[in-house]
C-alpha atoms as a PDB file:
ATOM      1  CA  MET A   1     -37.829  23.389   8.434  1.00  0.00           C
ATOM      2  CA  LYS A   2     -35.845  21.055  10.681  1.00  0.00           C
ATOM      3  CA  TRP A   3     -39.071  19.573  12.022  1.00  0.00           C
ATOM      4  CA  ILE A   4     -40.241  18.747   8.521  1.00  0.00           C
ATOM      5  CA  TRP A   5     -37.028  16.881   7.715  1.00  0.00           C
ATOM      6  CA  LEU A   6     -37.091  15.142  11.083  1.00  0.00           C
ATOM      7  CA  SER A   7     -40.683  14.010  10.572  1.00  0.00           C
ATOM      8  CA  ILE A   8     -39.856  12.724   7.074  1.00  0.00           C
ATOM      9  CA  LEU A   9     -36.908  10.800   8.530  1.00  0.00           C
ATOM     10  CA  VAL A  10     -39.005   9.272  11.306  1.00  0.00           C
ATOM     11  CA  VAL A  11     -41.863   8.286   8.998  1.00  0.00           C
ATOM     12  CA  SER A  12     -39.559   6.763   6.388  1.00  0.00           C
ATOM     13  CA  GLY A  13     -37.667   4.869   9.096  1.00  0.00           C
ATOM     14  CA  MET A  14     -40.908   3.450  10.472  1.00  0.00           C
ATOM     15  CA  LEU A  15     -42.051   2.433   6.989  1.00  0.00           C
ATOM     16  CA  LEU A  16     -38.718   0.740   6.319  1.00  0.00           C
ATOM     17  CA  LEU A  17     -38.915  -1.139   9.609  1.00  0.00           C
ATOM     18  CA  ALA A  18     -42.499  -2.210   8.841  1.00  0.00           C
ATOM     19  CA  THR A  19     -41.428  -3.479   5.422  1.00  0.00           C
ATOM     20  CA  ILE A  20     -38.539  -5.465   6.889  1.00  0.00           C
ATOM     21  CA  VAL A  21     -40.711  -7.030   9.586  1.00  0.00           C
ATOM     22  CA  ARG A  22     -43.603  -7.757   7.242  1.00  0.00           C
ATOM     23  CA  ASN A  23     -41.474  -9.429   4.578  1.00  0.00           C
ATOM     24  CA  ARG A  24     -39.333 -11.248   7.153  1.00  0.00           C
ATOM     25  CA  ILE A  25     -36.102 -10.334   5.478  1.00  0.00           C
ATOM     26  CA  SER A  26     -33.290 -12.329   7.004  1.00  0.00           C
ATOM     27  CA  TRP A  27     -30.902 -10.509   9.253  1.00  0.00           C
ATOM     28  CA  SER A  28     -27.838 -12.053   7.602  1.00  0.00           C
ATOM     29  CA  TRP A  29     -27.322  -8.826   5.652  1.00  0.00           C
ATOM     30  CA  LEU A  30     -26.693  -7.063   8.956  1.00  0.00           C
ATOM     31  CA  SER A  31     -23.868  -9.421   9.872  1.00  0.00           C
ATOM     32  CA  ARG A  32     -22.303  -9.079   6.412  1.00  0.00           C
ATOM     33  CA  PHE A  33     -22.553  -5.301   6.649  1.00  0.00           C
ATOM     34  CA  SER A  34     -20.954  -5.346  10.101  1.00  0.00           C
ATOM     35  CA  ILE A  35     -18.072  -7.514   8.886  1.00  0.00           C
ATOM     36  CA  HIS A  36     -17.475  -5.213   5.891  1.00  0.00           C
ATOM     37  CA  LEU A  37     -17.600  -2.153   8.124  1.00  0.00           C
ATOM     38  CA  THR A  38     -15.180  -3.614  10.666  1.00  0.00           C
ATOM     39  CA  ALA A  39     -12.693  -4.865   8.076  1.00  0.00           C
ATOM     40  CA  ALA A  40     -12.788  -1.591   6.137  1.00  0.00           C
ATOM     41  CA  ALA A  41     -12.316   0.471   9.296  1.00  0.00           C
ATOM     42  CA  ALA A  42      -9.373  -1.681  10.391  1.00  0.00           C
ATOM     43  CA  VAL A  43      -7.653  -1.435   7.004  1.00  0.00           C
ATOM     44  CA  LEU A  44      -8.275   2.322   6.785  1.00  0.00           C
ATOM     45  CA  TYR A  45      -6.835   2.749  10.266  1.00  0.00           C
ATOM     46  CA  LEU A  46      -3.773   0.652   9.480  1.00  0.00           C
ATOM     47  CA  LEU A  47      -3.236   2.460   6.204  1.00  0.00           C
ATOM     48  CA  ASN A  48      -3.603   5.961   7.633  1.00  0.00           C
ATOM     49  CA  GLN A  49      -2.013   5.633  11.065  1.00  0.00           C
ATOM     50  CA  THR A  50       0.879   3.257  10.560  1.00  0.00           C
ATOM     51  CA  GLY A  51       2.120   4.564   7.233  1.00  0.00           C
ATOM     52  CA  LEU A  52       2.194   1.017   5.907  1.00  0.00           C
ATOM     53  CA  VAL A  53       2.219   2.377   2.358  1.00  0.00           C
ATOM     54  CA  PRO A  54       4.348   5.537   2.207  1.00  0.00           C
ATOM     55  CA  GLY A  55       2.631   8.593   0.775  1.00  0.00           C
ATOM     56  CA  VAL A  56      -0.898   7.177   0.946  1.00  0.00           C
ATOM     57  CA  HIS A  57      -3.374   8.871   3.254  1.00  0.00           C
ATOM     58  CA  ILE A  58      -7.080   8.369   2.593  1.00  0.00           C
ATOM     59  CA  PRO A  59      -9.174  11.077   4.260  1.00  0.00           C
ATOM     60  CA  LEU A  60     -12.177   9.999   6.286  1.00  0.00           C
ATOM     61  CA  ASN A  61     -15.255  11.621   4.796  1.00  0.00           C
ATOM     62  CA  PRO A  62     -18.698  10.240   3.876  1.00  0.00           C
ATOM     63  CA  ALA A  63     -17.666   9.361   0.319  1.00  0.00           C
ATOM     64  CA  THR A  64     -14.606   7.339   1.291  1.00  0.00           C
ATOM     65  CA  ILE A  65     -16.328   5.639   4.206  1.00  0.00           C
ATOM     66  CA  GLY A  66     -19.303   4.744   2.007  1.00  0.00           C
ATOM     67  CA  THR A  67     -17.011   3.311  -0.656  1.00  0.00           C
ATOM     68  CA  ALA A  68     -15.064   1.344   1.911  1.00  0.00           C
ATOM     69  CA  VAL A  69     -18.211  -0.081   3.489  1.00  0.00           C
ATOM     70  CA  LEU A  70     -19.908  -0.982   0.213  1.00  0.00           C
ATOM     71  CA  LEU A  71     -16.861  -2.479  -1.477  1.00  0.00           C
ATOM     72  CA  GLY A  72     -14.911  -3.626   1.570  1.00  0.00           C
ATOM     73  CA  VAL A  73     -11.140  -3.980   1.480  1.00  0.00           C
ATOM     74  CA  PRO A  74     -10.997  -3.976  -2.362  1.00  0.00           C
ATOM     75  CA  GLY A  75     -12.758  -0.607  -2.226  1.00  0.00           C
ATOM     76  CA  ILE A  76      -9.938   0.768  -0.102  1.00  0.00           C
ATOM     77  CA  ALA A  77      -7.434  -0.521  -2.645  1.00  0.00           C
ATOM     78  CA  ALA A  78      -9.459   1.220  -5.361  1.00  0.00           C
ATOM     79  CA  LEU A  79      -9.424   4.466  -3.363  1.00  0.00           C
ATOM     80  CA  ALA A  80      -5.663   4.227  -2.892  1.00  0.00           C
ATOM     81  CA  GLY A  81      -5.221   3.558  -6.611  1.00  0.00           C
ATOM     82  CA  LEU A  82      -7.418   6.507  -7.542  1.00  0.00           C
ATOM     83  CA  GLN A  83      -5.479   8.722  -5.178  1.00  0.00           C
ATOM     84  CA  ALA A  84      -2.186   7.621  -6.727  1.00  0.00           C
ATOM     85  CA  VAL A  85      -3.439   8.234 -10.271  1.00  0.00           C
ATOM     86  CA  LEU A  86      -5.353  11.475  -9.736  1.00  0.00           C
ATOM     87  CA  PHE A  87      -3.193  13.250  -7.176  1.00  0.00           C
END
């Protein structure tokens, strides 16, 4: 079963790469993604490790990392607000 999933992953990755190369999509999205990822990781680290805001600790799991990467620093503020309201 693992081989089936691995083959699906490889084939879909190759098709995605072929689509990107064929359509000549600019690589500026990669730099924007990298900047969002770096800024979100830095803010999450500062928030969790330094205790900058007392009582706020955002766990690192796929959902929080995905939110932080997609929304950037405002996404981290939204996560902290949700944590304060819900928990």
